[in-house]
C-alpha atoms as a PDB file:
ATOM      1  CA  MET A   1     130.439 126.299 173.010  1.00  0.00           C
ATOM      2  CA  ASN A   2     130.169 122.551 173.343  1.00  0.00           C
ATOM      3  CA  ARG A   3     126.419 122.831 173.492  1.00  0.00           C
ATOM      4  CA  ARG A   4     126.381 124.858 170.206  1.00  0.00           C
ATOM      5  CA  ILE A   5     128.597 122.248 168.502  1.00  0.00           C
ATOM      6  CA  THR A   6     126.336 119.423 169.753  1.00  0.00           C
ATOM      7  CA  LEU A   7     123.186 121.164 168.498  1.00  0.00           C
ATOM      8  CA  SER A   8     124.863 121.902 165.139  1.00  0.00           C
ATOM      9  CA  LEU A   9     125.843 118.241 164.777  1.00  0.00           C
ATOM     10  CA  LEU A  10     122.358 117.133 165.689  1.00  0.00           C
ATOM     11  CA  LEU A  11     120.869 119.450 163.130  1.00  0.00           C
ATOM     12  CA  LEU A  12     123.278 118.336 160.449  1.00  0.00           C
ATOM     13  CA  SER A  13     122.469 114.687 161.289  1.00  0.00           C
ATOM     14  CA  LEU A  14     118.789 115.407 160.996  1.00  0.00           C
ATOM     15  CA  ILE A  15     119.183 117.069 157.644  1.00  0.00           C
ATOM     16  CA  VAL A  16     121.308 114.155 156.277  1.00  0.00           C
ATOM     17  CA  THR A  17     118.865 111.547 157.706  1.00  0.00           C
ATOM     18  CA  THR A  18     115.878 113.347 156.255  1.00  0.00           C
ATOM     19  CA  ARG A  19     117.486 113.720 152.829  1.00  0.00           C
ATOM     20  CA  SER A  20     118.441 110.039 152.841  1.00  0.00           C
ATOM     21  CA  GLN A  21     114.916 109.073 153.711  1.00  0.00           C
ATOM     22  CA  VAL A  22     113.527 111.187 150.916  1.00  0.00           C
ATOM     23  CA  LEU A  23     115.952 109.675 148.399  1.00  0.00           C
ATOM     24  CA  ALA A  24     115.199 106.206 149.549  1.00  0.00           C
ATOM     25  CA  GLN A  25     111.474 106.819 149.244  1.00  0.00           C
ATOM     26  CA  ALA A  26     111.927 108.285 145.741  1.00  0.00           C
ATOM     27  CA  THR A  27     113.818 105.147 144.755  1.00  0.00           C
ATOM     28  CA  LYS A  28     111.332 102.846 146.354  1.00  0.00           C
ATOM     29  CA  SER A  29     108.466 104.422 144.465  1.00  0.00           C
ATOM     30  CA  GLN A  30     110.042 103.884 141.066  1.00  0.00           C
ATOM     31  CA  GLU A  31     108.245 101.121 139.184  1.00  0.00           C
ATOM     32  CA  PHE A  32     109.847  98.393 137.060  1.00  0.00           C
ATOM     33  CA  TYR A  33     108.571  97.487 133.612  1.00  0.00           C
ATOM     34  CA  GLU A  34     108.659  94.422 131.454  1.00  0.00           C
ATOM     35  CA  LEU A  35     107.936  95.023 127.711  1.00  0.00           C
ATOM     36  CA  ARG A  36     107.046  91.572 126.507  1.00  0.00           C
ATOM     37  CA  SER A  37     106.854  91.028 122.747  1.00  0.00           C
ATOM     38  CA  TYR A  38     105.306  87.818 121.402  1.00  0.00           C
ATOM     39  CA  LEU A  39     106.836  87.369 117.937  1.00  0.00           C
ATOM     40  CA  ILE A  40     104.033  86.011 115.718  1.00  0.00           C
ATOM     41  CA  ASP A  41     104.004  85.137 112.023  1.00  0.00           C
ATOM     42  CA  ASN A  42     100.330  85.185 110.934  1.00  0.00           C
ATOM     43  CA  ALA A  43      96.895  86.469 111.771  1.00  0.00           C
ATOM     44  CA  ASP A  44      95.597  83.088 112.993  1.00  0.00           C
ATOM     45  CA  ASP A  45      98.330  82.801 115.539  1.00  0.00           C
ATOM     46  CA  HIS A  46      97.852  86.438 116.464  1.00  0.00           C
ATOM     47  CA  ALA A  47      94.225  85.591 117.344  1.00  0.00           C
ATOM     48  CA  ILE A  48      95.381  82.665 119.603  1.00  0.00           C
ATOM     49  CA  VAL A  49      97.859  84.755 121.539  1.00  0.00           C
ATOM     50  CA  ALA A  50      95.505  87.772 121.799  1.00  0.00           C
ATOM     51  CA  LYS A  51      92.804  85.496 123.337  1.00  0.00           C
ATOM     52  CA  TYR A  52      95.356  84.099 125.819  1.00  0.00           C
ATOM     53  CA  VAL A  53      96.431  87.584 126.813  1.00  0.00           C
ATOM     54  CA  LYS A  54      92.862  88.733 127.233  1.00  0.00           C
ATOM     55  CA  THR A  55      91.266  85.748 129.030  1.00  0.00           C
ATOM     56  CA  ALA A  56      94.280  84.235 130.904  1.00  0.00           C
ATOM     57  CA  LEU A  57      97.252  86.506 131.363  1.00  0.00           C
ATOM     58  CA  LEU A  58      95.550  89.822 132.098  1.00  0.00           C
ATOM     59  CA  PRO A  59      93.054  88.439 134.687  1.00  0.00           C
ATOM     60  CA  ALA A  60      95.971  86.557 136.450  1.00  0.00           C
ATOM     61  CA  LEU A  61      98.126  89.650 136.549  1.00  0.00           C
ATOM     62  CA  ASN A  62      95.205  91.632 137.995  1.00  0.00           C
ATOM     63  CA  ARG A  63      94.747  88.914 140.632  1.00  0.00           C
ATOM     64  CA  GLN A  64      98.476  89.577 141.578  1.00  0.00           C
ATOM     65  CA  LYS A  65      97.503  93.280 142.087  1.00  0.00           C
ATOM     66  CA  LEU A  66      99.329  94.299 138.864  1.00  0.00           C
ATOM     67  CA  ASP A  67      97.438  96.840 136.778  1.00  0.00           C
ATOM     68  CA  ARG A  68      97.766  99.495 134.039  1.00  0.00           C
ATOM     69  CA  ILE A  69      98.849  96.845 131.681  1.00  0.00           C
ATOM     70  CA  GLY A  70      99.175  97.794 128.067  1.00  0.00           C
ATOM     71  CA  VAL A  71      98.510  95.391 125.205  1.00  0.00           C
ATOM     72  CA  PHE A  72      99.466  96.629 121.684  1.00  0.00           C
ATOM     73  CA  LYS A  73      99.953  95.657 118.076  1.00  0.00           C
ATOM     74  CA  LEU A  74     101.688  97.526 115.247  1.00  0.00           C
ATOM     75  CA  ARG A  75      99.681 100.328 113.644  1.00  0.00           C
ATOM     76  CA  GLY A  76      97.834  98.888 110.569  1.00  0.00           C
ATOM     77  CA  ASP A  77      98.683 101.569 108.047  1.00  0.00           C
ATOM     78  CA  LYS A  78     102.077 101.438 106.238  1.00  0.00           C
ATOM     79  CA  GLU A  79     102.627 105.202 106.529  1.00  0.00           C
ATOM     80  CA  ALA A  80     102.409 105.175 110.311  1.00  0.00           C
ATOM     81  CA  ASN A  81     105.253 102.655 110.489  1.00  0.00           C
ATOM     82  CA  ALA A  82     107.330 103.859 107.474  1.00  0.00           C
ATOM     83  CA  ASN A  83     110.148 104.655 109.779  1.00  0.00           C
ATOM     84  CA  LYS A  84     109.762 101.575 111.936  1.00  0.00           C
ATOM     85  CA  THR A  85     113.194 100.145 112.940  1.00  0.00           C
ATOM     86  CA  HIS A  86     112.205  97.375 115.475  1.00  0.00           C
ATOM     87  CA  ALA A  87     112.467  94.037 113.734  1.00  0.00           C
ATOM     88  CA  TRP A  88     109.130  92.820 114.922  1.00  0.00           C
ATOM     89  CA  PRO A  89     106.981  90.683 112.699  1.00  0.00           C
ATOM     90  CA  GLU A  90     103.706  92.329 111.524  1.00  0.00           C
ATOM     91  CA  HIS A  91     101.447  90.280 113.699  1.00  0.00           C
ATOM     92  CA  SER A  92     103.364  90.529 116.957  1.00  0.00           C
ATOM     93  CA  ILE A  93     101.724  91.489 120.298  1.00  0.00           C
ATOM     94  CA  HIS A  94     103.377  93.658 122.853  1.00  0.00           C
ATOM     95  CA  VAL A  95     102.524  93.676 126.530  1.00  0.00           C
ATOM     96  CA  LEU A  96     103.667  96.332 128.989  1.00  0.00           C
ATOM     97  CA  ILE A  97     103.565  95.156 132.619  1.00  0.00           C
ATOM     98  CA  PRO A  98     104.374  97.563 135.500  1.00  0.00           C
ATOM     99  CA  PHE A  99     105.803  95.974 138.658  1.00  0.00           C
ATOM    100  CA  PRO A 100     105.947  97.866 141.963  1.00  0.00           C
ATOM    101  CA  THR A 101     108.918  95.825 143.151  1.00  0.00           C
ATOM    102  CA  LEU A 102     111.619  93.508 141.985  1.00  0.00           C
ATOM    103  CA  GLU A 103     110.046  90.755 144.131  1.00  0.00           C
ATOM    104  CA  SER A 104     106.697  91.087 142.338  1.00  0.00           C
ATOM    105  CA  PHE A 105     108.491  90.534 139.018  1.00  0.00           C
ATOM    106  CA  SER A 106     110.672  87.581 140.159  1.00  0.00           C
ATOM    107  CA  SER A 107     107.653  85.782 141.705  1.00  0.00           C
ATOM    108  CA  LEU A 108     105.410  86.221 138.567  1.00  0.00           C
ATOM    109  CA  ASN A 109     105.991  82.837 136.994  1.00  0.00           C
ATOM    110  CA  SER A 110     105.691  80.789 140.139  1.00  0.00           C
ATOM    111  CA  LYS A 111     102.366  82.536 141.024  1.00  0.00           C
ATOM    112  CA  LEU A 112     101.087  81.915 137.489  1.00  0.00           C
ATOM    113  CA  ALA A 113     102.004  78.226 137.823  1.00  0.00           C
ATOM    114  CA  ASP A 114      99.938  78.093 141.089  1.00  0.00           C
ATOM    115  CA  ASP A 115      96.951  79.911 139.604  1.00  0.00           C
ATOM    116  CA  ALA A 116      94.435  77.193 138.604  1.00  0.00           C
ATOM    117  CA  ASP A 117      92.108  79.750 136.870  1.00  0.00           C
ATOM    118  CA  TYR A 118      95.081  80.950 134.771  1.00  0.00           C
ATOM    119  CA  GLN A 119      96.173  77.423 133.794  1.00  0.00           C
ATOM    120  CA  LYS A 120      92.625  76.561 132.666  1.00  0.00           C
ATOM    121  CA  ALA A 121      92.154  79.769 130.674  1.00  0.00           C
ATOM    122  CA  ALA A 122      95.578  79.385 129.080  1.00  0.00           C
ATOM    123  CA  ASP A 123      94.808  75.890 127.743  1.00  0.00           C
ATOM    124  CA  GLY A 124      94.062  77.172 124.274  1.00  0.00           C
ATOM    125  CA  LEU A 125      97.706  78.373 124.009  1.00  0.00           C
ATOM    126  CA  PHE A 126      99.427  75.749 126.095  1.00  0.00           C
ATOM    127  CA  GLY A 127      97.785  72.998 124.115  1.00  0.00           C
ATOM    128  CA  VAL A 128      99.116  74.135 120.764  1.00  0.00           C
ATOM    129  CA  ASP A 129     101.299  71.447 119.076  1.00  0.00           C
ATOM    130  CA  ILE A 130     105.065  71.679 119.333  1.00  0.00           C
ATOM    131  CA  LYS A 131     105.348  71.562 115.578  1.00  0.00           C
ATOM    132  CA  ASP A 132     103.106  74.513 115.030  1.00  0.00           C
ATOM    133  CA  PRO A 133     103.607  77.045 117.974  1.00  0.00           C
ATOM    134  CA  ALA A 134     101.464  80.137 118.227  1.00  0.00           C
ATOM    135  CA  TYR A 135     104.506  82.390 118.533  1.00  0.00           C
ATOM    136  CA  ASN A 136     108.144  81.957 117.609  1.00  0.00           C
ATOM    137  CA  ARG A 137     109.705  83.453 120.803  1.00  0.00           C
ATOM    138  CA  ILE A 138     109.099  86.128 123.457  1.00  0.00           C
ATOM    139  CA  GLU A 139     111.383  89.081 123.252  1.00  0.00           C
ATOM    140  CA  SER A 140     111.570  90.824 126.581  1.00  0.00           C
ATOM    141  CA  ARG A 141     113.238  93.976 127.969  1.00  0.00           C
ATOM    142  CA  PHE A 142     113.278  94.897 131.696  1.00  0.00           C
ATOM    143  CA  MET A 143     113.314  98.507 132.735  1.00  0.00           C
ATOM    144  CA  LYS A 144     113.402 100.765 135.790  1.00  0.00           C
ATOM    145  CA  ALA A 145     111.232 103.899 135.708  1.00  0.00           C
ATOM    146  CA  PHE A 146     112.971 107.224 135.667  1.00  0.00           C
ATOM    147  CA  VAL A 147     113.056 109.323 138.941  1.00  0.00           C
ATOM    148  CA  GLY A 148     111.319 112.175 136.897  1.00  0.00           C
ATOM    149  CA  MET A 149     108.375 109.947 136.159  1.00  0.00           C
ATOM    150  CA  PRO A 150     108.403 107.030 138.612  1.00  0.00           C
ATOM    151  CA  VAL A 151     105.045 105.437 137.632  1.00  0.00           C
ATOM    152  CA  VAL A 152     102.911 104.996 134.528  1.00  0.00           C
ATOM    153  CA  GLU A 153     100.757 108.011 133.712  1.00  0.00           C
ATOM    154  CA  GLN A 154      97.623 107.771 131.728  1.00  0.00           C
ATOM    155  CA  PRO A 155      96.136 110.716 129.733  1.00  0.00           C
ATOM    156  CA  ALA A 156      92.344 111.080 129.963  1.00  0.00           C
ATOM    157  CA  TYR A 157      91.788 109.513 126.527  1.00  0.00           C
ATOM    158  CA  SER A 158      93.716 106.460 127.598  1.00  0.00           C
ATOM    159  CA  LYS A 159      91.751 106.074 130.812  1.00  0.00           C
ATOM    160  CA  ASN A 160      88.510 106.510 128.951  1.00  0.00           C
ATOM    161  CA  LYS A 161      89.642 104.016 126.186  1.00  0.00           C
ATOM    162  CA  SER A 162      88.938 106.573 123.483  1.00  0.00           C
ATOM    163  CA  THR A 163      90.544 106.335 120.074  1.00  0.00           C
ATOM    164  CA  ARG A 164      94.328 106.620 120.679  1.00  0.00           C
ATOM    165  CA  LEU A 165      97.787 105.846 119.389  1.00  0.00           C
ATOM    166  CA  PHE A 166     101.101 105.140 121.048  1.00  0.00           C
ATOM    167  CA  GLU A 167     104.656 105.875 120.028  1.00  0.00           C
ATOM    168  CA  LEU A 168     107.436 103.596 121.425  1.00  0.00           C
ATOM    169  CA  ARG A 169     110.932 105.070 121.233  1.00  0.00           C
ATOM    170  CA  THR A 170     114.302 103.565 122.220  1.00  0.00           C
ATOM    171  CA  TYR A 171     117.392 105.778 122.434  1.00  0.00           C
ATOM    172  CA  GLU A 172     120.552 103.782 122.186  1.00  0.00           C
ATOM    173  CA  SER A 173     123.924 105.115 123.479  1.00  0.00           C
ATOM    174  CA  HIS A 174     127.372 103.995 122.580  1.00  0.00           C
ATOM    175  CA  ASN A 175     128.481 103.560 126.180  1.00  0.00           C
ATOM    176  CA  THR A 176     126.845 103.318 129.603  1.00  0.00           C
ATOM    177  CA  ASP A 177     128.033 106.731 130.798  1.00  0.00           C
ATOM    178  CA  LYS A 178     126.375 108.430 127.832  1.00  0.00           C
ATOM    179  CA  ALA A 179     123.177 106.438 128.438  1.00  0.00           C
ATOM    180  CA  ARG A 180     123.292 107.650 132.133  1.00  0.00           C
ATOM    181  CA  LEU A 181     123.633 111.277 130.954  1.00  0.00           C
ATOM    182  CA  LYS A 182     120.632 110.925 128.527  1.00  0.00           C
ATOM    183  CA  VAL A 183     118.469 109.627 131.455  1.00  0.00           C
ATOM    184  CA  GLU A 184     119.684 112.631 133.490  1.00  0.00           C
ATOM    185  CA  MET A 185     118.655 114.901 130.621  1.00  0.00           C
ATOM    186  CA  PHE A 186     115.174 113.528 130.690  1.00  0.00           C
ATOM    187  CA  ASN A 187     114.932 113.821 134.412  1.00  0.00           C
ATOM    188  CA  LYS A 188     116.230 117.418 134.452  1.00  0.00           C
ATOM    189  CA  GLY A 189     113.812 118.816 131.909  1.00  0.00           C
ATOM    190  CA  GLU A 190     113.021 116.727 128.793  1.00  0.00           C
ATOM    191  CA  ILE A 191     110.079 114.978 130.549  1.00  0.00           C
ATOM    192  CA  ASP A 192     108.626 118.281 131.568  1.00  0.00           C
ATOM    193  CA  ILE A 193     108.894 119.675 128.064  1.00  0.00           C
ATOM    194  CA  MET A 194     107.066 116.632 126.650  1.00  0.00           C
ATOM    195  CA  ARG A 195     104.252 117.073 129.218  1.00  0.00           C
ATOM    196  CA  ASP A 196     104.192 120.842 128.397  1.00  0.00           C
ATOM    197  CA  VAL A 197     103.648 120.217 124.662  1.00  0.00           C
ATOM    198  CA  LYS A 198     101.049 117.503 125.320  1.00  0.00           C
ATOM    199  CA  LEU A 199     102.981 114.578 123.966  1.00  0.00           C
ATOM    200  CA  GLY A 200     101.196 112.444 126.494  1.00  0.00           C
ATOM    201  CA  PRO A 201     104.053 110.497 128.118  1.00  0.00           C
ATOM    202  CA  VAL A 202     103.101 107.046 129.443  1.00  0.00           C
ATOM    203  CA  PHE A 203     106.390 105.709 130.919  1.00  0.00           C
ATOM    204  CA  TYR A 204     110.113 106.233 130.810  1.00  0.00           C
ATOM    205  CA  GLY A 205     112.376 103.272 131.480  1.00  0.00           C
ATOM    206  CA  GLU A 206     116.116 102.734 131.800  1.00  0.00           C
ATOM    207  CA  THR A 207     116.652  99.347 130.183  1.00  0.00           C
ATOM    208  CA  LEU A 208     118.405  97.043 132.660  1.00  0.00           C
ATOM    209  CA  ILE A 209     118.112  93.829 130.558  1.00  0.00           C
ATOM    210  CA  GLY A 210     117.486  93.668 126.934  1.00  0.00           C
ATOM    211  CA  PRO A 211     118.928  92.880 123.501  1.00  0.00           C
ATOM    212  CA  ASP A 212     120.292  96.334 122.735  1.00  0.00           C
ATOM    213  CA  VAL A 213     121.684  97.884 125.936  1.00  0.00           C
ATOM    214  CA  PRO A 214     122.727 100.496 126.896  1.00  0.00           C
ATOM    215  CA  ASN A 215     119.481 102.375 126.015  1.00  0.00           C
ATOM    216  CA  LEU A 216     116.437 104.008 127.463  1.00  0.00           C
ATOM    217  CA  THR A 217     112.936 103.310 126.221  1.00  0.00           C
ATOM    218  CA  TYR A 218     109.812 105.379 126.598  1.00  0.00           C
ATOM    219  CA  MET A 219     106.235 105.587 125.351  1.00  0.00           C
ATOM    220  CA  LEU A 220     104.187 108.669 124.238  1.00  0.00           C
ATOM    221  CA  SER A 221     100.554 108.765 123.343  1.00  0.00           C
ATOM    222  CA  GLY A 222      98.037 110.878 121.361  1.00  0.00           C
ATOM    223  CA  THR A 223      94.492 110.900 119.994  1.00  0.00           C
ATOM    224  CA  ASP A 224      95.396 110.989 116.307  1.00  0.00           C
ATOM    225  CA  ASP A 225      98.318 111.300 113.990  1.00  0.00           C
ATOM    226  CA  ASP A 226      97.868 114.998 113.176  1.00  0.00           C
ATOM    227  CA  SER A 227      97.776 116.237 116.686  1.00  0.00           C
ATOM    228  CA  HIS A 228     100.624 113.939 117.661  1.00  0.00           C
ATOM    229  CA  LYS A 229     102.751 115.388 114.876  1.00  0.00           C
ATOM    230  CA  GLN A 230     101.832 118.987 115.955  1.00  0.00           C
ATOM    231  CA  HIS A 231     102.827 118.122 119.479  1.00  0.00           C
ATOM    232  CA  TRP A 232     106.280 116.893 118.230  1.00  0.00           C
ATOM    233  CA  GLN A 233     106.618 120.152 116.334  1.00  0.00           C
ATOM    234  CA  GLY A 234     105.959 122.059 119.524  1.00  0.00           C
ATOM    235  CA  PHE A 235     108.639 120.034 121.189  1.00  0.00           C
ATOM    236  CA  SER A 236     111.250 120.793 118.559  1.00  0.00           C
ATOM    237  CA  LYS A 237     110.483 124.525 118.872  1.00  0.00           C
ATOM    238  CA  HIS A 238     110.330 124.586 122.660  1.00  0.00           C
ATOM    239  CA  PRO A 239     112.883 127.162 123.983  1.00  0.00           C
ATOM    240  CA  GLU A 240     113.879 124.942 126.822  1.00  0.00           C
ATOM    241  CA  TRP A 241     114.512 122.044 124.519  1.00  0.00           C
ATOM    242  CA  ASN A 242     116.659 124.175 122.226  1.00  0.00           C
ATOM    243  CA  ARG A 243     118.673 125.363 125.288  1.00  0.00           C
ATOM    244  CA  MET A 244     119.256 121.839 126.678  1.00  0.00           C
ATOM    245  CA  LYS A 245     120.167 120.186 123.432  1.00  0.00           C
ATOM    246  CA  LYS A 246     123.148 122.626 123.056  1.00  0.00           C
ATOM    247  CA  LEU A 247     124.696 121.874 126.423  1.00  0.00           C
ATOM    248  CA  ASP A 248     128.076 120.206 126.130  1.00  0.00           C
ATOM    249  CA  ARG A 249     127.122 117.793 128.880  1.00  0.00           C
ATOM    250  CA  TYR A 250     124.532 116.087 126.737  1.00  0.00           C
ATOM    251  CA  LYS A 251     126.300 116.005 123.413  1.00  0.00           C
ATOM    252  CA  GLY A 252     126.735 112.549 121.902  1.00  0.00           C
ATOM    253  CA  THR A 253     124.455 110.801 124.344  1.00  0.00           C
ATOM    254  CA  VAL A 254     122.297 109.155 121.609  1.00  0.00           C
ATOM    255  CA  SER A 255     123.799 107.016 118.815  1.00  0.00           C
ATOM    256  CA  ARG A 256     120.541 105.669 117.460  1.00  0.00           C
ATOM    257  CA  ILE A 257     116.791 106.338 117.770  1.00  0.00           C
ATOM    258  CA  ARG A 258     114.360 103.501 117.117  1.00  0.00           C
ATOM    259  CA  LYS A 259     110.578 104.293 116.966  1.00  0.00           C
ATOM    260  CA  THR A 260     107.483 102.314 116.376  1.00  0.00           C
ATOM    261  CA  MET A 261     103.816 103.351 116.212  1.00  0.00           C
ATOM    262  CA  LEU A 262     101.358 101.087 118.172  1.00  0.00           C
ATOM    263  CA  GLU A 263      97.706 100.797 118.729  1.00  0.00           C
ATOM    264  CA  PRO A 264      96.058  99.153 121.641  1.00  0.00           C
ATOM    265  CA  LEU A 265      94.107  95.876 121.514  1.00  0.00           C
ATOM    266  CA  SER A 266      90.614  96.029 122.852  1.00  0.00           C
ATOM    267  CA  CYS A 267      91.711  94.404 126.222  1.00  0.00           C
ATOM    268  CA  SER A 268      94.430  96.916 126.871  1.00  0.00           C
ATOM    269  CA  GLN A 269      94.253  98.791 130.119  1.00  0.00           C
ATOM    270  CA  LEU A 270      96.211 101.687 128.706  1.00  0.00           C
END
């Protein structure tokens, strides 16, 4: 009898340990994201910052083994951003940087300061006069990837740098518990539905630090406006989405949706 109890306890311990290891590994594999927005007033300053990102920042980040970095601007046509709710100036530049760990994020600035090639390449931006800065401020939000999509995913047209568009969405919640439940809703099915209807998810992030928490922010992609709209129509008609959205557990999880259409700069790695 004692032997059976001992074996049962050992088996239970093995199961608990294995499950803990799996959960720990899942958490460890989740990336962190910084979405950095350079707030710029005019086309001339846009060109200065774009050159800095292309020739100084991106190569330096790559030397730190950071990759899949997205560089975006607002879509040029007014119709595409008719419903834009982010208060970003027209000429702003947005940089998405994936970090594998918190340490890789926290050490970024010190590594840039020690990178002689970066400092030399960034001189065109750093040398701008204090009375006429190239950008007003940098608005930044810091996010943790969802368990359901722990790393950036690139559709083929993004990897091939074909013509493409990106849609950035932020779902605000009126309290932190509702925000948690909305993340859960994505992890338990909403991400899979978006994949199923070919909305081209790029990343999903729980915003840890930002100007409008609690919220989650995510990015979708497409080849053109028409197909992207069709994919959204497929999502709205999807039977699993229509089942999930009626669940009492997820009612009232979103208080405001903010969306912006973006296009990549030529140097973008997404």
